[in-house]
Amino acid sequence: MISVIEKTSTYLLFIMFGYAFKYFNILDKDDANKLGKIIVLVTLPAALIKNADSIVIQKETLLLASLGIVTNMFGLLTGFFLNHRERSAKTAAIMLSTASYNIGNFVLPFVEMFFGGVGVGYLCMFDCGNALMGLGLNLVAAQSVSMKTMRVSLRSILKTLLKSAPFVTYVLLFVFAFLNLSVPSYIMDIANVAGGANSFLSMFMIGLLIRLDLPKEKLKAIYKTVWARTLLNTALIVLILFFMPIPATARIVTALCIASPVGSISPIYALQCGYKGDLVGMASSLSIFVSIVQILAILIIFA
């Protein structure tokens, strides 16, 4: 347990660094967005590639990808019923807050540290399903209950997925694994250097995104949404850790994925559903604190 606390305290320190830079006005949210682009386009794909040799096609692959889809569907249904099945932009915003997982930026560093390439392989499997929902189908579901009428086609979903560097990386790595191909050594050398920066940059960015100034007049709706997400995810985590017939490492990694915060794309999708408030952004910020507690608990008890 001491080893787990020592390792996680390093990441918590990186988060505190990020928040300190924000608190003293050295960097701000705009800088976090720019940093996020570097992570998504460069360091995150590189971190995945450097663990490519540990990704194998096995019987758990389809199951974990399916779990990534099903857990998102549970989140969407929770958000829909939370607002009394009302067809409105607010309901869409709540649905986008109770579904989706920010796995690449938040969970990958922990998985890489504690479980190495094998753990990253399991993470990739789950996140393939999560990406399919979070980058496309969640928006379709949210728009179907919002006041905003916008046609979402299969083509637009595929276009969104293909614009996601991590998702494209997942697909390519699984293709390589299926064909028993190895990533060229010169690409692996680049990935080792760039991917090595992913953990620090991801935690630092999270520190920049943390907000403590929640609007009091909207706290009830925000807390209600976050509590619903937390209770749902806690139930899913317990079910997976104790009842899923998959290897122990796969169970723990999947539980960590479910403990991650709201997907970073959710606030943008809420706008596309006609929602003008800040519930999704606030819920996303608050979910970071919840995720830290859940991830630490899982690692201390099960790792």
Foldseek 3Di string as FASTA:
>chain_A
DVVLCVVVVVLVVLLQLLLVCCVVVVDALVVLVVLVVCLQQFQLLLLLQLLLVLAADDPCLQVLLVVLQVLLVVLLVLLCVLVVNAQALVSLLLSLQLGAFACSLPPVVVQCVPPNSNLSNLLLSNVLNRCLCNQAVSLVSSLVRHPDDDDGDPVNSVVSQVVGSSNVSSVVSHVCNVVVHHDDPVSSVSSVVSNVCRSSSSSSSLSNLADPPDDPVCVVVLVSSLVSSLVSLVVVLVCLCPPDPDDNSSSLSSNLRSLGFRHPCSVVSSVVSVDDDCSSSSSRNVSRVSSSVSNSVSSVVRD
